[in-house]
Amino acid sequence: MSGFSLHDSFRKAADLRLREVPEWGSLLVYTPAHPDIHYLDARSWLLFELCDGRSGTGILEEFRQAVPDGTPPEQSEAAVVEALTALAEKGLVTRAAAGSRTAA
């Protein structure tokens, strides 16, 4: 994901098929455009759900409220950047660069 920035906005990709697996604390995501099934652990699932058009900084703030107190800010930021990058690379979320009107 070139030019990644937490100022970019993130949105779930269209046409995904979702299946919650609560007993595993996970979400399975099927991408029909590029047939594959993706397993999202609890952290990735939370971040995926937060991709509703808000900025990466907004996602990070919400994520920090969900993680245990005492988690170093740089650790939570690294986790968010890593997860958003992976979600975008898998085609599960789209990214719109800060200041643009359409998702990439």
PDB file of N, CA and C in Angstrom:
ATOM      1  N   MET A   1       0.863  -1.170   0.000  1.00  0.00           N
ATOM      2  CA  MET A   1       0.000   0.000   0.000  1.00  0.00           C
ATOM      3  C   MET A   1       0.901   1.222   0.000  1.00  0.00           C
ATOM      4  N   SER A   2       1.096   1.797  -1.159  1.00  0.00           N
ATOM      5  CA  SER A   2       2.024   2.908  -1.263  1.00  0.00           C
ATOM      6  C   SER A   2       1.443   4.164  -0.639  1.00  0.00           C
ATOM      7  N   GLY A   3       2.309   4.968  -0.043  1.00  0.00           N
ATOM      8  CA  GLY A   3       1.880   6.218   0.531  1.00  0.00           C
ATOM      9  C   GLY A   3       0.944   6.094   1.711  1.00  0.00           C
ATOM     10  N   PHE A   4       1.011   4.981   2.430  1.00  0.00           N
ATOM     11  CA  PHE A   4       0.123   4.747   3.572  1.00  0.00           C
ATOM     12  C   PHE A   4       0.256   5.862   4.596  1.00  0.00           C
ATOM     13  N   SER A   5      -0.863   6.322   5.090  1.00  0.00           N
ATOM     14  CA  SER A   5      -0.893   7.346   6.131  1.00  0.00           C
ATOM     15  C   SER A   5      -2.096   7.108   7.031  1.00  0.00           C
ATOM     16  N   LEU A   6      -1.923   7.358   8.315  1.00  0.00           N
ATOM     17  CA  LEU A   6      -3.051   7.255   9.237  1.00  0.00           C
ATOM     18  C   LEU A   6      -4.063   8.385   9.014  1.00  0.00           C
ATOM     19  N   HIS A   7      -3.724   9.345   8.168  1.00  0.00           N
ATOM     20  CA  HIS A   7      -4.679  10.402   7.827  1.00  0.00           C
ATOM     21  C   HIS A   7      -5.617   9.963   6.706  1.00  0.00           C
ATOM     22  N   ASP A   8      -5.275   8.859   6.034  1.00  0.00           N
ATOM     23  CA  ASP A   8      -6.144   8.305   4.996  1.00  0.00           C
ATOM     24  C   ASP A   8      -7.415   7.773   5.648  1.00  0.00           C
ATOM     25  N   SER A   9      -8.455   7.597   4.844  1.00  0.00           N
ATOM     26  CA  SER A   9      -9.686   7.000   5.365  1.00  0.00           C
ATOM     27  C   SER A   9      -9.811   5.571   4.835  1.00  0.00           C
ATOM     28  N   PHE A  10     -10.502   4.745   5.612  1.00  0.00           N
ATOM     29  CA  PHE A  10     -10.608   3.318   5.312  1.00  0.00           C
ATOM     30  C   PHE A  10     -12.067   2.893   5.359  1.00  0.00           C
ATOM     31  N   ARG A  11     -12.435   2.029   4.401  1.00  0.00           N
ATOM     32  CA  ARG A  11     -13.805   1.542   4.296  1.00  0.00           C
ATOM     33  C   ARG A  11     -13.758   0.075   3.891  1.00  0.00           C
ATOM     34  N   LYS A  12     -14.707  -0.698   4.416  1.00  0.00           N
ATOM     35  CA  LYS A  12     -14.805  -2.104   4.013  1.00  0.00           C
ATOM     36  C   LYS A  12     -15.033  -2.178   2.511  1.00  0.00           C
ATOM     37  N   ALA A  13     -14.414  -3.146   1.862  1.00  0.00           N
ATOM     38  CA  ALA A  13     -14.604  -3.349   0.429  1.00  0.00           C
ATOM     39  C   ALA A  13     -16.037  -3.829   0.173  1.00  0.00           C
ATOM     40  N   ALA A  14     -16.506  -3.591  -1.027  1.00  0.00           N
ATOM     41  CA  ALA A  14     -17.857  -4.018  -1.413  1.00  0.00           C
ATOM     42  C   ALA A  14     -17.867  -5.510  -1.730  1.00  0.00           C
ATOM     43  N   ASP A  15     -19.031  -6.097  -1.665  1.00  0.00           N
ATOM     44  CA  ASP A  15     -19.263  -7.481  -2.092  1.00  0.00           C
ATOM     45  C   ASP A  15     -18.483  -8.531  -1.304  1.00  0.00           C
ATOM     46  N   LEU A  16     -18.290  -8.310  -0.037  1.00  0.00           N
ATOM     47  CA  LEU A  16     -17.651  -9.319   0.814  1.00  0.00           C
ATOM     48  C   LEU A  16     -18.727 -10.177   1.451  1.00  0.00           C
ATOM     49  N   ARG A  17     -18.414 -11.411   1.711  1.00  0.00           N
ATOM     50  CA  ARG A  17     -19.304 -12.313   2.447  1.00  0.00           C
ATOM     51  C   ARG A  17     -18.668 -12.555   3.801  1.00  0.00           C
ATOM     52  N   LEU A  18     -19.429 -12.292   4.871  1.00  0.00           N
ATOM     53  CA  LEU A  18     -18.901 -12.367   6.235  1.00  0.00           C
ATOM     54  C   LEU A  18     -19.576 -13.480   7.016  1.00  0.00           C
ATOM     55  N   ARG A  19     -18.789 -14.167   7.818  1.00  0.00           N
ATOM     56  CA  ARG A  19     -19.335 -15.198   8.704  1.00  0.00           C
ATOM     57  C   ARG A  19     -18.633 -15.071  10.052  1.00  0.00           C
ATOM     58  N   GLU A  20     -19.393 -14.681  11.066  1.00  0.00           N
ATOM     59  CA  GLU A  20     -18.850 -14.609  12.423  1.00  0.00           C
ATOM     60  C   GLU A  20     -18.679 -16.021  12.964  1.00  0.00           C
ATOM     61  N   VAL A  21     -17.562 -16.229  13.663  1.00  0.00           N
ATOM     62  CA  VAL A  21     -17.303 -17.506  14.331  1.00  0.00           C
ATOM     63  C   VAL A  21     -16.994 -17.163  15.794  1.00  0.00           C
ATOM     64  N   PRO A  22     -18.051 -16.889  16.594  1.00  0.00           N
ATOM     65  CA  PRO A  22     -17.841 -16.406  17.961  1.00  0.00           C
ATOM     66  C   PRO A  22     -17.082 -17.389  18.846  1.00  0.00           C
ATOM     67  N   GLU A  23     -17.296 -18.681  18.618  1.00  0.00           N
ATOM     68  CA  GLU A  23     -16.592 -19.646  19.464  1.00  0.00           C
ATOM     69  C   GLU A  23     -15.083 -19.612  19.235  1.00  0.00           C
ATOM     70  N   TRP A  24     -14.644 -19.060  18.104  1.00  0.00           N
ATOM     71  CA  TRP A  24     -13.215 -18.869  17.834  1.00  0.00           C
ATOM     72  C   TRP A  24     -12.801 -17.423  18.066  1.00  0.00           C
ATOM     73  N   GLY A  25     -13.770 -16.555  18.331  1.00  0.00           N
ATOM     74  CA  GLY A  25     -13.470 -15.127  18.481  1.00  0.00           C
ATOM     75  C   GLY A  25     -12.928 -14.558  17.185  1.00  0.00           C
ATOM     76  N   SER A  26     -13.536 -14.963  16.053  1.00  0.00           N
ATOM     77  CA  SER A  26     -12.983 -14.570  14.765  1.00  0.00           C
ATOM     78  C   SER A  26     -14.084 -14.310  13.739  1.00  0.00           C
ATOM     79  N   LEU A  27     -13.642 -13.790  12.613  1.00  0.00           N
ATOM     80  CA  LEU A  27     -14.525 -13.500  11.493  1.00  0.00           C
ATOM     81  C   LEU A  27     -13.899 -14.109  10.240  1.00  0.00           C
ATOM     82  N   LEU A  28     -14.708 -14.823   9.460  1.00  0.00           N
ATOM     83  CA  LEU A  28     -14.261 -15.331   8.169  1.00  0.00           C
ATOM     84  C   LEU A  28     -14.819 -14.401   7.094  1.00  0.00           C
ATOM     85  N   VAL A  29     -13.959 -14.022   6.169  1.00  0.00           N
ATOM     86  CA  VAL A  29     -14.349 -13.100   5.102  1.00  0.00           C
ATOM     87  C   VAL A  29     -14.031 -13.752   3.764  1.00  0.00           C
ATOM     88  N   TYR A  30     -15.064 -13.877   2.935  1.00  0.00           N
ATOM     89  CA  TYR A  30     -14.896 -14.437   1.596  1.00  0.00           C
ATOM     90  C   TYR A  30     -14.887 -13.289   0.600  1.00  0.00           C
ATOM     91  N   THR A  31     -13.908 -13.305  -0.300  1.00  0.00           N
ATOM     92  CA  THR A  31     -13.801 -12.288  -1.339  1.00  0.00           C
ATOM     93  C   THR A  31     -14.146 -12.925  -2.685  1.00  0.00           C
ATOM     94  N   PRO A  32     -15.383 -12.762  -3.152  1.00  0.00           N
ATOM     95  CA  PRO A  32     -15.788 -13.409  -4.405  1.00  0.00           C
ATOM     96  C   PRO A  32     -15.042 -12.888  -5.638  1.00  0.00           C
ATOM     97  N   ALA A  33     -14.619 -11.646  -5.655  1.00  0.00           N
ATOM     98  CA  ALA A  33     -13.919 -11.099  -6.815  1.00  0.00           C
ATOM     99  C   ALA A  33     -12.590 -11.818  -7.057  1.00  0.00           C
ATOM    100  N   HIS A  34     -11.936 -12.191  -5.980  1.00  0.00           N
ATOM    101  CA  HIS A  34     -10.686 -12.961  -6.014  1.00  0.00           C
ATOM    102  C   HIS A  34     -10.899 -14.094  -5.022  1.00  0.00           C
ATOM    103  N   PRO A  35     -11.538 -15.180  -5.451  1.00  0.00           N
ATOM    104  CA  PRO A  35     -11.999 -16.208  -4.516  1.00  0.00           C
ATOM    105  C   PRO A  35     -10.955 -16.637  -3.485  1.00  0.00           C
ATOM    106  N   ASP A  36     -11.263 -16.285  -2.252  1.00  0.00           N
ATOM    107  CA  ASP A  36     -10.407 -16.638  -1.128  1.00  0.00           C
ATOM    108  C   ASP A  36     -11.200 -16.435   0.156  1.00  0.00           C
ATOM    109  N   ILE A  37     -10.813 -17.157   1.185  1.00  0.00           N
ATOM    110  CA  ILE A  37     -11.397 -16.988   2.517  1.00  0.00           C
ATOM    111  C   ILE A  37     -10.293 -16.479   3.427  1.00  0.00           C
ATOM    112  N   HIS A  38     -10.603 -15.415   4.148  1.00  0.00           N
ATOM    113  CA  HIS A  38      -9.635 -14.788   5.050  1.00  0.00           C
ATOM    114  C   HIS A  38     -10.115 -14.936   6.488  1.00  0.00           C
ATOM    115  N   TYR A  39      -9.208 -15.327   7.352  1.00  0.00           N
ATOM    116  CA  TYR A  39      -9.483 -15.477   8.787  1.00  0.00           C
ATOM    117  C   TYR A  39      -9.022 -14.211   9.488  1.00  0.00           C
ATOM    118  N   LEU A  40      -9.931 -13.558  10.198  1.00  0.00           N
ATOM    119  CA  LEU A  40      -9.571 -12.373  10.984  1.00  0.00           C
ATOM    120  C   LEU A  40      -9.659 -12.715  12.455  1.00  0.00           C
ATOM    121  N   ASP A  41      -8.557 -12.549  13.169  1.00  0.00           N
ATOM    122  CA  ASP A  41      -8.588 -12.743  14.613  1.00  0.00           C
ATOM    123  C   ASP A  41      -9.333 -11.564  15.244  1.00  0.00           C
ATOM    124  N   ALA A  42      -9.471 -11.589  16.557  1.00  0.00           N
ATOM    125  CA  ALA A  42     -10.282 -10.573  17.249  1.00  0.00           C
ATOM    126  C   ALA A  42      -9.769  -9.155  16.980  1.00  0.00           C
ATOM    127  N   ARG A  43      -8.457  -8.968  16.997  1.00  0.00           N
ATOM    128  CA  ARG A  43      -7.901  -7.628  16.756  1.00  0.00           C
ATOM    129  C   ARG A  43      -8.207  -7.164  15.340  1.00  0.00           C
ATOM    130  N   SER A  44      -7.936  -8.013  14.352  1.00  0.00           N
ATOM    131  CA  SER A  44      -8.190  -7.642  12.961  1.00  0.00           C
ATOM    132  C   SER A  44      -9.676  -7.438  12.704  1.00  0.00           C
ATOM    133  N   TRP A  45     -10.506  -8.244  13.354  1.00  0.00           N
ATOM    134  CA  TRP A  45     -11.960  -8.112  13.217  1.00  0.00           C
ATOM    135  C   TRP A  45     -12.419  -6.751  13.720  1.00  0.00           C
ATOM    136  N   LEU A  46     -11.933  -6.360  14.897  1.00  0.00           N
ATOM    137  CA  LEU A  46     -12.287  -5.054  15.450  1.00  0.00           C
ATOM    138  C   LEU A  46     -11.877  -3.947  14.487  1.00  0.00           C
ATOM    139  N   LEU A  47     -10.648  -3.997  14.010  1.00  0.00           N
ATOM    140  CA  LEU A  47     -10.172  -2.951  13.111  1.00  0.00           C
ATOM    141  C   LEU A  47     -10.945  -2.954  11.794  1.00  0.00           C
ATOM    142  N   PHE A  48     -11.283  -4.126  11.288  1.00  0.00           N
ATOM    143  CA  PHE A  48     -12.098  -4.242  10.080  1.00  0.00           C
ATOM    144  C   PHE A  48     -13.449  -3.549  10.297  1.00  0.00           C
ATOM    145  N   GLU A  49     -14.072  -3.789  11.432  1.00  0.00           N
ATOM    146  CA  GLU A  49     -15.373  -3.176  11.730  1.00  0.00           C
ATOM    147  C   GLU A  49     -15.277  -1.661  11.854  1.00  0.00           C
ATOM    148  N   LEU A  50     -14.122  -1.166  12.259  1.00  0.00           N
ATOM    149  CA  LEU A  50     -13.937   0.280  12.401  1.00  0.00           C
ATOM    150  C   LEU A  50     -13.705   0.973  11.055  1.00  0.00           C
ATOM    151  N   CYS A  51     -13.513   0.202  10.004  1.00  0.00           N
ATOM    152  CA  CYS A  51     -13.297   0.767   8.664  1.00  0.00           C
ATOM    153  C   CYS A  51     -14.639   1.126   8.038  1.00  0.00           C
ATOM    154  N   ASP A  52     -15.177   2.235   8.483  1.00  0.00           N
ATOM    155  CA  ASP A  52     -16.490   2.689   8.026  1.00  0.00           C
ATOM    156  C   ASP A  52     -16.390   4.057   7.354  1.00  0.00           C
ATOM    157  N   GLY A  53     -15.192   4.352   6.862  1.00  0.00           N
ATOM    158  CA  GLY A  53     -14.969   5.641   6.216  1.00  0.00           C
ATOM    159  C   GLY A  53     -14.188   6.605   7.080  1.00  0.00           C
ATOM    160  N   ARG A  54     -13.921   6.204   8.320  1.00  0.00           N
ATOM    161  CA  ARG A  54     -13.175   7.115   9.191  1.00  0.00           C
ATOM    162  C   ARG A  54     -11.681   7.049   8.871  1.00  0.00           C
ATOM    163  N   SER A  55     -10.962   8.026   9.385  1.00  0.00           N
ATOM    164  CA  SER A  55      -9.519   8.095   9.151  1.00  0.00           C
ATOM    165  C   SER A  55      -8.786   7.052   9.987  1.00  0.00           C
ATOM    166  N   GLY A  56      -7.569   6.773   9.585  1.00  0.00           N
ATOM    167  CA  GLY A  56      -6.732   5.868  10.359  1.00  0.00           C
ATOM    168  C   GLY A  56      -6.500   6.387  11.770  1.00  0.00           C
ATOM    169  N   THR A  57      -6.410   7.713  11.928  1.00  0.00           N
ATOM    170  CA  THR A  57      -6.230   8.252  13.282  1.00  0.00           C
ATOM    171  C   THR A  57      -7.484   8.028  14.118  1.00  0.00           C
ATOM    172  N   GLY A  58      -8.651   8.130  13.502  1.00  0.00           N
ATOM    173  CA  GLY A  58      -9.903   7.844  14.213  1.00  0.00           C
ATOM    174  C   GLY A  58      -9.988   6.377  14.607  1.00  0.00           C
ATOM    175  N   ILE A  59      -9.556   5.501  13.699  1.00  0.00           N
ATOM    176  CA  ILE A  59      -9.527   4.070  13.995  1.00  0.00           C
ATOM    177  C   ILE A  59      -8.561   3.801  15.145  1.00  0.00           C
ATOM    178  N   LEU A  60      -7.395   4.428  15.098  1.00  0.00           N
ATOM    179  CA  LEU A  60      -6.398   4.249  16.157  1.00  0.00           C
ATOM    180  C   LEU A  60      -6.945   4.702  17.508  1.00  0.00           C
ATOM    181  N   GLU A  61      -7.618   5.843  17.563  1.00  0.00           N
ATOM    182  CA  GLU A  61      -8.184   6.327  18.825  1.00  0.00           C
ATOM    183  C   GLU A  61      -9.195   5.337  19.387  1.00  0.00           C
ATOM    184  N   GLU A  62     -10.063   4.828  18.530  1.00  0.00           N
ATOM    185  CA  GLU A  62     -11.076   3.861  18.965  1.00  0.00           C
ATOM    186  C   GLU A  62     -10.418   2.560  19.425  1.00  0.00           C
ATOM    187  N   PHE A  63      -9.399   2.127  18.696  1.00  0.00           N
ATOM    188  CA  PHE A  63      -8.674   0.904  19.047  1.00  0.00           C
ATOM    189  C   PHE A  63      -8.005   1.055  20.411  1.00  0.00           C
ATOM    190  N   ARG A  64      -7.402   2.209  20.663  1.00  0.00           N
ATOM    191  CA  ARG A  64      -6.725   2.439  21.952  1.00  0.00           C
ATOM    192  C   ARG A  64      -7.706   2.363  23.120  1.00  0.00           C
ATOM    193  N   GLN A  65      -8.958   2.734  22.885  1.00  0.00           N
ATOM    194  CA  GLN A  65      -9.969   2.632  23.937  1.00  0.00           C
ATOM    195  C   GLN A  65     -10.329   1.176  24.218  1.00  0.00           C
ATOM    196  N   ALA A  66     -10.118   0.309  23.227  1.00  0.00           N
ATOM    197  CA  ALA A  66     -10.499  -1.098  23.367  1.00  0.00           C
ATOM    198  C   ALA A  66      -9.382  -1.974  23.935  1.00  0.00           C
ATOM    199  N   VAL A  67      -8.130  -1.533  23.816  1.00  0.00           N
ATOM    200  CA  VAL A  67      -7.017  -2.350  24.302  1.00  0.00           C
ATOM    201  C   VAL A  67      -6.789  -2.077  25.790  1.00  0.00           C
ATOM    202  N   PRO A  68      -6.140  -3.017  26.472  1.00  0.00           N
ATOM    203  CA  PRO A  68      -5.922  -2.843  27.913  1.00  0.00           C
ATOM    204  C   PRO A  68      -5.127  -1.579  28.244  1.00  0.00           C
ATOM    205  N   ASP A  69      -5.488  -0.976  29.375  1.00  0.00           N
ATOM    206  CA  ASP A  69      -4.718   0.172  29.863  1.00  0.00           C
ATOM    207  C   ASP A  69      -3.269  -0.252  30.035  1.00  0.00           C
ATOM    208  N   GLY A  70      -2.387   0.663  29.801  1.00  0.00           N
ATOM    209  CA  GLY A  70      -0.967   0.369  29.959  1.00  0.00           C
ATOM    210  C   GLY A  70      -0.294  -0.086  28.672  1.00  0.00           C
ATOM    211  N   THR A  71      -1.084  -0.289  27.605  1.00  0.00           N
ATOM    212  CA  THR A  71      -0.481  -0.643  26.324  1.00  0.00           C
ATOM    213  C   THR A  71       0.237   0.594  25.789  1.00  0.00           C
ATOM    214  N   PRO A  72       1.533   0.476  25.509  1.00  0.00           N
ATOM    215  CA  PRO A  72       2.275   1.651  25.015  1.00  0.00           C
ATOM    216  C   PRO A  72       1.664   2.176  23.714  1.00  0.00           C
ATOM    217  N   PRO A  73       1.536   3.496  23.578  1.00  0.00           N
ATOM    218  CA  PRO A  73       0.930   4.075  22.376  1.00  0.00           C
ATOM    219  C   PRO A  73       1.605   3.613  21.082  1.00  0.00           C
ATOM    220  N   GLU A  74       2.928   3.495  21.097  1.00  0.00           N
ATOM    221  CA  GLU A  74       3.617   3.076  19.878  1.00  0.00           C
ATOM    222  C   GLU A  74       3.292   1.625  19.520  1.00  0.00           C
ATOM    223  N   GLN A  75       3.003   0.811  20.515  1.00  0.00           N
ATOM    224  CA  GLN A  75       2.629  -0.584  20.262  1.00  0.00           C
ATOM    225  C   GLN A  75       1.236  -0.655  19.622  1.00  0.00           C
ATOM    226  N   SER A  76       0.301   0.137  20.128  1.00  0.00           N
ATOM    227  CA  SER A  76      -1.042   0.119  19.545  1.00  0.00           C
ATOM    228  C   SER A  76      -1.026   0.730  18.144  1.00  0.00           C
ATOM    229  N   GLU A  77      -0.233   1.766  17.931  1.00  0.00           N
ATOM    230  CA  GLU A  77      -0.148   2.357  16.595  1.00  0.00           C
ATOM    231  C   GLU A  77       0.451   1.364  15.603  1.00  0.00           C
ATOM    232  N   ALA A  78       1.494   0.664  16.001  1.00  0.00           N
ATOM    233  CA  ALA A  78       2.115  -0.332  15.121  1.00  0.00           C
ATOM    234  C   ALA A  78       1.121  -1.440  14.775  1.00  0.00           C
ATOM    235  N   ALA A  79       0.322  -1.863  15.757  1.00  0.00           N
ATOM    236  CA  ALA A  79      -0.675  -2.916  15.521  1.00  0.00           C
ATOM    237  C   ALA A  79      -1.722  -2.449  14.516  1.00  0.00           C
ATOM    238  N   VAL A  80      -2.164  -1.204  14.631  1.00  0.00           N
ATOM    239  CA  VAL A  80      -3.178  -0.667  13.725  1.00  0.00           C
ATOM    240  C   VAL A  80      -2.615  -0.536  12.307  1.00  0.00           C
ATOM    241  N   VAL A  81      -1.421   0.012  12.186  1.00  0.00           N
ATOM    242  CA  VAL A  81      -0.807   0.165  10.861  1.00  0.00           C
ATOM    243  C   VAL A  81      -0.617  -1.197  10.210  1.00  0.00           C
ATOM    244  N   GLU A  82      -0.115  -2.159  10.961  1.00  0.00           N
ATOM    245  CA  GLU A  82       0.109  -3.513  10.435  1.00  0.00           C
ATOM    246  C   GLU A  82      -1.213  -4.137   9.964  1.00  0.00           C
ATOM    247  N   ALA A  83      -2.244  -4.039  10.791  1.00  0.00           N
ATOM    248  CA  ALA A  83      -3.527  -4.656  10.456  1.00  0.00           C
ATOM    249  C   ALA A  83      -4.194  -3.961   9.273  1.00  0.00           C
ATOM    250  N   LEU A  84      -4.204  -2.630   9.243  1.00  0.00           N
ATOM    251  CA  LEU A  84      -4.829  -1.919   8.123  1.00  0.00           C
ATOM    252  C   LEU A  84      -4.098  -2.207   6.817  1.00  0.00           C
ATOM    253  N   THR A  85      -2.787  -2.295   6.884  1.00  0.00           N
ATOM    254  CA  THR A  85      -2.005  -2.635   5.694  1.00  0.00           C
ATOM    255  C   THR A  85      -2.374  -4.025   5.203  1.00  0.00           C
ATOM    256  N   ALA A  86      -2.443  -4.991   6.115  1.00  0.00           N
ATOM    257  CA  ALA A  86      -2.794  -6.368   5.740  1.00  0.00           C
ATOM    258  C   ALA A  86      -4.218  -6.447   5.191  1.00  0.00           C
ATOM    259  N   LEU A  87      -5.156  -5.760   5.819  1.00  0.00           N
ATOM    260  CA  LEU A  87      -6.542  -5.767   5.346  1.00  0.00           C
ATOM    261  C   LEU A  87      -6.640  -5.186   3.932  1.00  0.00           C
ATOM    262  N   ALA A  88      -5.901  -4.117   3.680  1.00  0.00           N
ATOM    263  CA  ALA A  88      -5.918  -3.502   2.353  1.00  0.00           C
ATOM    264  C   ALA A  88      -5.254  -4.410   1.322  1.00  0.00           C
ATOM    265  N   GLU A  89      -4.143  -5.024   1.683  1.00  0.00           N
ATOM    266  CA  GLU A  89      -3.442  -5.917   0.751  1.00  0.00           C
ATOM    267  C   GLU A  89      -4.297  -7.126   0.384  1.00  0.00           C
ATOM    268  N   LYS A  90      -5.136  -7.588   1.303  1.00  0.00           N
ATOM    269  CA  LYS A  90      -6.024  -8.726   1.040  1.00  0.00           C
ATOM    270  C   LYS A  90      -7.287  -8.310   0.285  1.00  0.00           C
ATOM    271  N   GLY A  91      -7.473  -6.994   0.095  1.00  0.00           N
ATOM    272  CA  GLY A  91      -8.653  -6.509  -0.614  1.00  0.00           C
ATOM    273  C   GLY A  91      -9.894  -6.444   0.255  1.00  0.00           C
ATOM    274  N   LEU A  92      -9.719  -6.448   1.571  1.00  0.00           N
ATOM    275  CA  LEU A  92     -10.868  -6.422   2.477  1.00  0.00           C
ATOM    276  C   LEU A  92     -11.312  -5.003   2.816  1.00  0.00           C
ATOM    277  N   VAL A  93     -10.387  -4.051   2.715  1.00  0.00           N
ATOM    278  CA  VAL A  93     -10.725  -2.642   2.913  1.00  0.00           C
ATOM    279  C   VAL A  93     -10.112  -1.828   1.787  1.00  0.00           C
ATOM    280  N   THR A  94     -10.715  -0.678   1.539  1.00  0.00           N
ATOM    281  CA  THR A  94     -10.169   0.260   0.573  1.00  0.00           C
ATOM    282  C   THR A  94      -9.681   1.482   1.327  1.00  0.00           C
ATOM    283  N   ARG A  95      -8.735   2.159   0.712  1.00  0.00           N
ATOM    284  CA  ARG A  95      -8.123   3.331   1.337  1.00  0.00           C
ATOM    285  C   ARG A  95      -8.332   4.525   0.428  1.00  0.00           C
ATOM    286  N   ALA A  96      -8.708   5.648   1.009  1.00  0.00           N
ATOM    287  CA  ALA A  96      -8.780   6.902   0.281  1.00  0.00           C
ATOM    288  C   ALA A  96      -7.750   7.831   0.912  1.00  0.00           C
ATOM    289  N   ALA A  97      -6.817   8.307   0.107  1.00  0.00           N
ATOM    290  CA  ALA A  97      -5.773   9.200   0.604  1.00  0.00           C
ATOM    291  C   ALA A  97      -6.425  10.439   1.202  1.00  0.00           C
ATOM    292  N   ALA A  98      -5.792  10.963   2.231  1.00  0.00           N
ATOM    293  CA  ALA A  98      -6.298  12.175   2.876  1.00  0.00           C
ATOM    294  C   ALA A  98      -6.506  13.249   1.820  1.00  0.00           C
ATOM    295  N   GLY A  99      -7.683  13.852   1.851  1.00  0.00           N
ATOM    296  CA  GLY A  99      -7.999  14.920   0.912  1.00  0.00           C
ATOM    297  C   GLY A  99      -8.639  14.456  -0.383  1.00  0.00           C
ATOM    298  N   SER A 100      -8.648  13.124  -0.640  1.00  0.00           N
ATOM    299  CA  SER A 100      -9.300  12.644  -1.865  1.00  0.00           C
ATOM    300  C   SER A 100     -10.748  12.276  -1.539  1.00  0.00           C
ATOM    301  N   ARG A 101     -11.545  12.076  -2.574  1.00  0.00           N
ATOM    302  CA  ARG A 101     -12.957  11.800  -2.370  1.00  0.00           C
ATOM    303  C   ARG A 101     -13.334  10.353  -2.627  1.00  0.00           C
ATOM    304  N   THR A 102     -12.437   9.572  -3.237  1.00  0.00           N
ATOM    305  CA  THR A 102     -12.769   8.198  -3.565  1.00  0.00           C
ATOM    306  C   THR A 102     -11.796   7.238  -2.922  1.00  0.00           C
ATOM    307  N   ALA A 103     -12.253   6.010  -2.669  1.00  0.00           N
ATOM    308  CA  ALA A 103     -11.400   4.995  -2.067  1.00  0.00           C
ATOM    309  C   ALA A 103     -10.521   4.364  -3.135  1.00  0.00           C
ATOM    310  N   ALA A 104      -9.307   3.994  -2.699  1.00  0.00           N
ATOM    311  CA  ALA A 104      -8.367   3.335  -3.611  1.00  0.00           C
ATOM    312  C   ALA A 104      -8.515   1.837  -3.555  1.00  0.00           C
TER     313      ALA A 104
END
